[in-house]
């Protein structure tokens, strides 16, 4: 009889993290185990990402599971209620990715407002060099310095975004579940009202029942034809169909998107638009940050197997 390892991986993970888990714990992918209920007896830790997660049916296969360790801060595809019902704890990798995600958010703000990616394509298509072209042939952009910025979700990442944009002289306000202690920024209770007051709305919130689909037609119309949407949270925070309709009708000025509702699939209507910047969910994608995330995952696994405690537990 083949014994299950103490650690399994669920879904795609960084190759060097997989290699480290295999070397230290003889970890195997979940799909390599027998699919019968309880076939994963002996597995104590499942390592996954917010894009894959661990569902209730997976728990049926892993009766001895004690912890789910997420690579990243997202955990929306993990059934936390099912975990709690079975006494399974979970962790993420907070803090270590805050700076890079915030940097990406600011990069998207600058890119979509100043039309940098669109201008790059303009040059590559040879339009700048065409007779009668020149710099004046490219549409004017919008100024970032001094812009009014609203943030949905003023957690670690939201605060880091605010600090960066304040350095640009931006007037930053926010909305969320309530006032933040020690934060000297205006709180706007209603998301539609916040969108109406700002030039760009940055989404940096967790995906919850409250935030799912929160950016709907009313919010997009409040942003208006001169307003911009930037999303480094989760794609499902935005009603994508409503966003596409707003862009096509000229009711929204533009969008900078690192996340999508059905990744890696991006709405086809967005692919040819010059008023949209599209990134492949890479906000934390730097050598330094991904290494720190890997190390924190390994620390969580080691700590749980050693004494049943996680380094960065959820909740």
Protein backbone atom coordinates (compact mmCIF):
# COMPACT_ATOMS: atom_id res chain seq x y z
CA UNK A 1 0.00 0.00 0.00
CA UNK A 2 1.32 3.44 -0.93
CA UNK A 3 1.23 5.92 1.94
CA UNK A 4 0.07 9.47 1.32
CA UNK A 5 2.59 12.26 1.91
CA UNK A 6 2.16 14.73 4.76
CA UNK A 7 1.85 17.57 2.22
CA UNK A 8 -0.03 17.82 -1.07
CA UNK A 9 -0.20 20.61 -3.62
CA UNK A 10 -3.53 21.71 -5.03
CA UNK A 11 -3.36 23.45 -8.40
CA UNK A 12 -0.42 25.14 -10.14
CA UNK A 13 2.34 26.60 -7.95
CA UNK A 14 5.72 28.21 -8.57
CA UNK A 15 8.21 25.54 -9.69
CA UNK A 16 10.76 26.39 -7.00
CA UNK A 17 8.08 26.15 -4.29
CA UNK A 18 6.98 22.77 -5.63
CA UNK A 19 10.60 21.63 -5.71
CA UNK A 20 11.15 22.70 -2.10
CA UNK A 21 7.99 20.93 -0.94
CA UNK A 22 9.00 17.77 -2.78
CA UNK A 23 12.51 17.83 -1.33
CA UNK A 24 11.46 18.52 2.25
CA UNK A 25 8.19 16.59 2.52
CA UNK A 26 7.99 14.34 -0.56
CA UNK A 27 4.93 16.40 -1.46
CA UNK A 28 2.77 15.23 -4.32
CA UNK A 29 0.00 16.86 -6.36
CA UNK A 30 -3.49 16.09 -5.08
CA UNK A 31 -4.43 14.65 -8.47
CA UNK A 32 -1.72 12.00 -8.12
CA UNK A 33 -3.58 10.45 -5.18
CA UNK A 34 -6.40 7.97 -5.58
CA UNK A 35 -9.64 9.88 -6.09
CA UNK A 36 -11.65 7.80 -3.63
CA UNK A 37 -12.96 9.44 -0.47
CA UNK A 38 -10.39 9.14 2.29
CA UNK A 39 -7.65 8.05 -0.07
CA UNK A 40 -5.51 10.92 1.16
CA UNK A 41 -5.37 9.69 4.73
CA UNK A 42 -2.22 11.00 6.37
CA UNK A 43 -2.12 14.28 4.48
CA UNK A 44 -1.78 17.07 7.04
CA UNK A 45 -1.21 20.16 4.86
CA UNK A 46 -2.55 21.26 1.48
CA UNK A 47 -0.67 24.05 -0.31
CA UNK A 48 -2.67 26.02 -2.86
CA UNK A 49 -3.40 29.50 -4.19
CA UNK A 50 -6.39 31.80 -4.11
CA UNK A 51 -6.97 31.00 -7.78
CA UNK A 52 -7.43 27.27 -7.06
CA UNK A 53 -8.35 26.89 -3.41
CA UNK A 54 -9.60 23.90 -1.46
CA UNK A 55 -13.28 22.98 -1.71
CA UNK A 56 -15.44 20.75 0.49
CA UNK A 57 -15.12 17.78 -1.88
CA UNK A 58 -11.34 17.94 -1.52
CA UNK A 59 -11.71 17.74 2.26
CA UNK A 60 -13.62 14.47 1.84
CA UNK A 61 -10.50 13.01 0.25
CA UNK A 62 -8.20 14.29 3.01
CA UNK A 63 -9.66 13.16 6.34
CA UNK A 64 -6.52 14.01 8.32
CA UNK A 65 -6.03 17.48 6.84
CA UNK A 66 -5.18 20.09 9.43
CA UNK A 67 -4.13 23.17 7.45
CA UNK A 68 -4.54 24.84 4.09
CA UNK A 69 -1.59 27.09 3.24
CA UNK A 70 -2.21 29.67 0.51
CA UNK A 71 0.50 31.13 -1.71
CA UNK A 72 -0.78 34.72 -1.90
CA UNK A 73 -3.31 36.74 0.07
CA UNK A 74 -6.35 35.54 -1.88
CA UNK A 75 -8.43 32.71 -0.51
CA UNK A 76 -11.80 33.26 -2.16
CA UNK A 77 -11.89 29.84 -3.83
CA UNK A 78 -11.29 28.01 -0.57
CA UNK A 79 -14.41 26.96 1.33
CA UNK A 80 -13.52 28.50 4.68
CA UNK A 81 -16.82 27.46 6.24
CA UNK A 82 -16.14 23.83 5.33
CA UNK A 83 -12.63 24.13 6.74
CA UNK A 84 -13.90 25.59 10.00
CA UNK A 85 -16.52 22.86 10.34
CA UNK A 86 -13.73 20.27 10.25
CA UNK A 87 -11.30 22.18 12.42
CA UNK A 88 -8.93 22.88 9.51
CA UNK A 89 -6.97 26.14 9.78
CA UNK A 90 -5.71 28.29 6.92
CA UNK A 91 -2.96 30.79 6.20
CA UNK A 92 -2.02 33.30 3.52
CA UNK A 93 1.15 35.28 2.77
CA UNK A 94 0.31 38.84 3.91
CA UNK A 95 2.67 41.82 4.13
CA UNK A 96 5.43 40.40 1.92
CA UNK A 97 3.53 41.27 -1.28
CA UNK A 98 2.05 44.60 -0.17
CA UNK A 99 4.65 46.87 -1.75
CA UNK A 100 4.73 45.19 -5.15
CA UNK A 101 0.94 45.04 -5.45
CA UNK A 102 0.73 48.71 -4.47
CA UNK A 103 3.44 49.56 -7.00
CA UNK A 104 1.43 47.77 -9.69
CA UNK A 105 -1.73 49.63 -8.75
CA UNK A 106 0.05 52.97 -9.08
CA UNK A 107 1.60 51.81 -12.35
CA UNK A 108 -1.86 51.05 -13.69
CA UNK A 109 -3.15 54.44 -12.55
CA UNK A 110 -0.33 56.17 -14.42
CA UNK A 111 -0.60 53.93 -17.47
CA UNK A 112 -4.33 54.18 -18.03
CA UNK A 113 -4.57 57.90 -17.26
CA UNK A 114 -1.50 58.90 -19.29
CA UNK A 115 -2.26 56.31 -22.01
CA UNK A 116 1.30 54.96 -21.95
CA UNK A 117 0.56 51.46 -23.27
CA UNK A 118 -1.66 52.94 -25.97
CA UNK A 119 1.11 55.37 -26.93
CA UNK A 120 3.59 52.49 -27.11
CA UNK A 121 1.29 50.69 -29.55
CA UNK A 122 0.89 53.95 -31.51
CA UNK A 123 4.65 54.11 -32.02
CA UNK A 124 5.02 50.40 -32.80
CA UNK A 125 2.30 50.60 -35.45
CA UNK A 126 4.34 53.30 -37.18
CA UNK A 127 1.63 55.93 -36.76
CA UNK A 128 3.98 58.47 -35.17
CA UNK A 129 6.25 58.37 -38.25
CA UNK A 130 3.48 58.63 -40.83
CA UNK A 131 3.26 61.82 -42.93
CA UNK A 132 1.17 64.30 -41.05
CA UNK A 133 1.54 62.26 -37.87
CA UNK A 134 3.78 63.59 -35.17
CA UNK A 135 3.16 63.98 -31.47
CA UNK A 136 -0.08 65.88 -31.97
CA UNK A 137 -1.66 62.92 -33.74
CA UNK A 138 -1.88 61.01 -30.45
CA UNK A 139 -4.81 61.94 -28.18
CA UNK A 140 -4.10 63.97 -25.07
CA UNK A 141 -4.12 62.07 -21.80
CA UNK A 142 -5.16 62.97 -18.26
CA UNK A 143 -2.89 64.29 -15.52
CA UNK A 144 -2.09 62.00 -12.58
CA UNK A 145 -0.49 64.51 -10.21
CA UNK A 146 -3.20 66.17 -8.17
CA UNK A 147 -5.90 63.72 -9.25
CA UNK A 148 -8.69 62.73 -6.89
CA UNK A 149 -8.33 59.05 -6.00
CA UNK A 150 -10.81 56.78 -4.26
CA UNK A 151 -9.80 53.43 -2.78
CA UNK A 152 -12.16 50.56 -2.08
CA UNK A 153 -10.52 48.53 0.69
CA UNK A 154 -8.02 50.37 2.88
CA UNK A 155 -6.18 47.35 4.21
CA UNK A 156 -2.43 46.81 3.97
CA UNK A 157 -2.38 47.21 0.20
CA UNK A 158 -4.89 50.04 0.11
CA UNK A 159 -2.85 52.03 2.64
CA UNK A 160 0.32 51.46 0.61
CA UNK A 161 -1.44 52.67 -2.55
CA UNK A 162 -2.69 55.75 -0.72
CA UNK A 163 0.80 56.61 0.54
CA UNK A 164 2.27 56.36 -2.94
CA UNK A 165 -0.42 58.46 -4.57
CA UNK A 166 -0.30 61.10 -1.87
CA UNK A 167 3.33 61.58 -2.93
CA UNK A 168 1.93 62.55 -6.34
CA UNK A 169 -0.15 65.23 -4.65
CA UNK A 170 -3.33 63.22 -5.13
CA UNK A 171 -6.32 63.80 -2.88
CA UNK A 172 -7.11 60.31 -1.54
CA UNK A 173 -10.35 59.15 0.06
CA UNK A 174 -11.67 55.67 0.74
CA UNK A 175 -14.60 53.44 1.51
CA UNK A 176 -14.84 50.07 3.16
CA UNK A 177 -16.41 48.29 6.09
CA UNK A 178 -15.83 51.26 8.38
CA UNK A 179 -13.32 53.88 9.56
CA UNK A 180 -9.70 52.83 9.85
CA UNK A 181 -7.85 53.58 13.07
CA UNK A 182 -4.91 55.92 12.67
CA UNK A 183 -5.86 56.89 9.10
CA UNK A 184 -6.09 60.57 8.29
CA UNK A 185 -8.02 60.18 5.05
CA UNK A 186 -11.66 61.04 4.34
CA UNK A 187 -14.03 58.09 4.65
CA UNK A 188 -16.94 58.06 2.20
CA UNK A 189 -19.58 55.62 3.38
CA UNK A 190 -21.17 54.89 0.00
CA UNK A 191 -19.23 53.46 -2.96
CA UNK A 192 -21.36 55.27 -5.55
CA UNK A 193 -20.77 58.56 -3.77
CA UNK A 194 -17.02 57.88 -3.63
CA UNK A 195 -16.96 57.10 -7.37
CA UNK A 196 -18.81 60.32 -8.10
CA UNK A 197 -16.21 62.37 -6.19
CA UNK A 198 -13.01 60.95 -7.74
CA UNK A 199 -11.09 60.81 -11.01
CA UNK A 200 -9.89 57.25 -10.49
CA UNK A 201 -11.23 54.42 -8.34
CA UNK A 202 -8.69 51.84 -7.14
CA UNK A 203 -9.95 48.44 -5.98
CA UNK A 204 -7.76 46.88 -3.29
CA UNK A 205 -10.35 44.95 -1.28
CA UNK A 206 -10.80 41.27 -0.50
CA UNK A 207 -13.47 39.38 -2.41
CA UNK A 208 -16.35 38.78 -0.02
CA UNK A 209 -20.11 38.47 -0.30
CA UNK A 210 -20.22 42.22 0.30
CA UNK A 211 -17.70 43.17 -2.38
CA UNK A 212 -18.65 40.64 -5.07
CA UNK A 213 -20.06 42.65 -7.98
CA UNK A 214 -19.83 45.85 -5.94
CA UNK A 215 -18.58 47.85 -8.92
CA UNK A 216 -21.78 47.78 -10.93
CA UNK A 217 -23.45 50.06 -13.45
CA UNK A 218 -24.30 52.63 -10.79
CA UNK A 219 -20.67 52.88 -9.66
CA UNK A 220 -19.34 53.00 -13.23
CA UNK A 221 -21.80 55.72 -14.20
CA UNK A 222 -20.79 57.67 -11.10
CA UNK A 223 -17.16 57.52 -12.27
CA UNK A 224 -18.33 58.75 -15.63
CA UNK A 225 -16.71 59.32 -19.04
CA UNK A 226 -13.72 61.13 -17.50
CA UNK A 227 -13.21 58.58 -14.73
CA UNK A 228 -10.92 55.56 -14.54
CA UNK A 229 -11.13 52.19 -12.82
CA UNK A 230 -8.06 50.29 -11.55
CA UNK A 231 -8.39 46.78 -10.16
CA UNK A 232 -5.67 44.88 -8.27
CA UNK A 233 -8.18 43.10 -6.03
CA UNK A 234 -10.23 40.32 -7.63
CA UNK A 235 -11.99 40.32 -10.97
CA UNK A 236 -15.34 39.38 -9.45
CA UNK A 237 -15.45 42.66 -7.51
CA UNK A 238 -16.42 44.20 -10.86
CA UNK A 239 -19.48 43.43 -12.95
CA UNK A 240 -17.41 42.82 -16.09
CA UNK A 241 -20.36 42.97 -18.49
CA UNK A 242 -21.38 46.32 -17.05
CA UNK A 243 -17.80 47.59 -17.33
CA UNK A 244 -17.52 46.52 -20.96
CA UNK A 245 -20.86 48.18 -21.74
CA UNK A 246 -19.75 51.40 -20.04
CA UNK A 247 -16.49 51.49 -21.99
CA UNK A 248 -18.17 50.76 -25.31
CA UNK A 249 -20.76 53.47 -24.70
CA UNK A 250 -18.15 56.03 -23.63
CA UNK A 251 -19.60 56.17 -20.12
CA UNK A 252 -16.25 55.23 -18.54
CA UNK A 253 -12.92 56.86 -19.37
CA UNK A 254 -10.75 53.76 -19.08
CA UNK A 255 -9.66 50.83 -16.94
CA UNK A 256 -6.40 49.33 -15.70
CA UNK A 257 -6.95 45.67 -14.85
CA UNK A 258 -4.65 43.06 -13.31
CA UNK A 259 -7.45 40.65 -12.42
CA UNK A 260 -10.49 39.20 -14.16
CA UNK A 261 -13.59 37.24 -13.24
CA UNK A 262 -12.69 34.12 -15.24
CA UNK A 263 -8.91 34.03 -15.38
CA UNK A 264 -7.05 33.56 -17.63
CA UNK A 265 -9.95 34.46 -19.92
CA UNK A 266 -10.36 38.17 -20.63
CA UNK A 267 -13.54 39.56 -22.22
CA UNK A 268 -12.85 39.69 -25.95
CA UNK A 269 -14.33 43.17 -26.17
CA UNK A 270 -11.45 44.54 -24.07
CA UNK A 271 -8.58 43.15 -26.14
CA UNK A 272 -8.50 45.81 -28.84
CA UNK A 273 -9.36 48.82 -26.70
CA UNK A 274 -6.71 51.52 -26.26
CA UNK A 275 -8.48 52.87 -23.16
CA UNK A 276 -7.85 49.65 -21.24
CA UNK A 277 -4.59 48.27 -19.81
CA UNK A 278 -4.60 44.49 -19.35
CA UNK A 279 -2.16 42.60 -17.12
CA UNK A 280 -2.00 38.81 -16.48
CA UNK A 281 -2.53 38.94 -12.69
CA UNK A 282 1.10 39.86 -12.05
CA UNK A 283 0.83 42.45 -9.27
CA UNK A 284 3.09 40.50 -6.91
CA UNK A 285 5.21 39.16 -9.75
CA UNK A 286 8.73 40.23 -8.87
CA UNK A 287 11.67 37.99 -8.08
CA UNK A 288 11.98 39.42 -4.59
CA UNK A 289 8.32 39.24 -3.63
CA UNK A 290 7.64 35.78 -5.01
CA UNK A 291 10.71 34.49 -3.15
CA UNK A 292 9.40 36.03 0.08
CA UNK A 293 5.98 34.48 -0.54
CA UNK A 294 7.58 31.08 -1.15
CA UNK A 295 9.58 31.33 2.05
CA UNK A 296 6.50 32.28 4.06
CA UNK A 297 4.57 29.33 2.65
CA UNK A 298 7.41 27.01 3.64
CA UNK A 299 7.55 28.58 7.10
CA UNK A 300 3.82 28.02 7.55
CA UNK A 301 4.08 24.38 6.48
CA UNK A 302 7.06 23.72 8.73
CA UNK A 303 5.46 25.43 11.72
CA UNK A 304 2.20 23.53 11.39
CA UNK A 305 3.86 20.15 11.01
CA UNK A 306 6.15 20.95 13.96
CA UNK A 307 3.66 22.23 16.54
CA UNK A 308 0.27 22.66 14.87
CA UNK A 309 0.54 26.43 14.58
CA UNK A 310 0.64 28.66 11.51
CA UNK A 311 2.92 31.68 11.17
CA UNK A 312 0.32 33.82 9.42
CA UNK A 313 -3.10 32.31 10.20
CA UNK A 314 -6.29 33.71 8.69
CA UNK A 315 -8.63 35.47 11.08
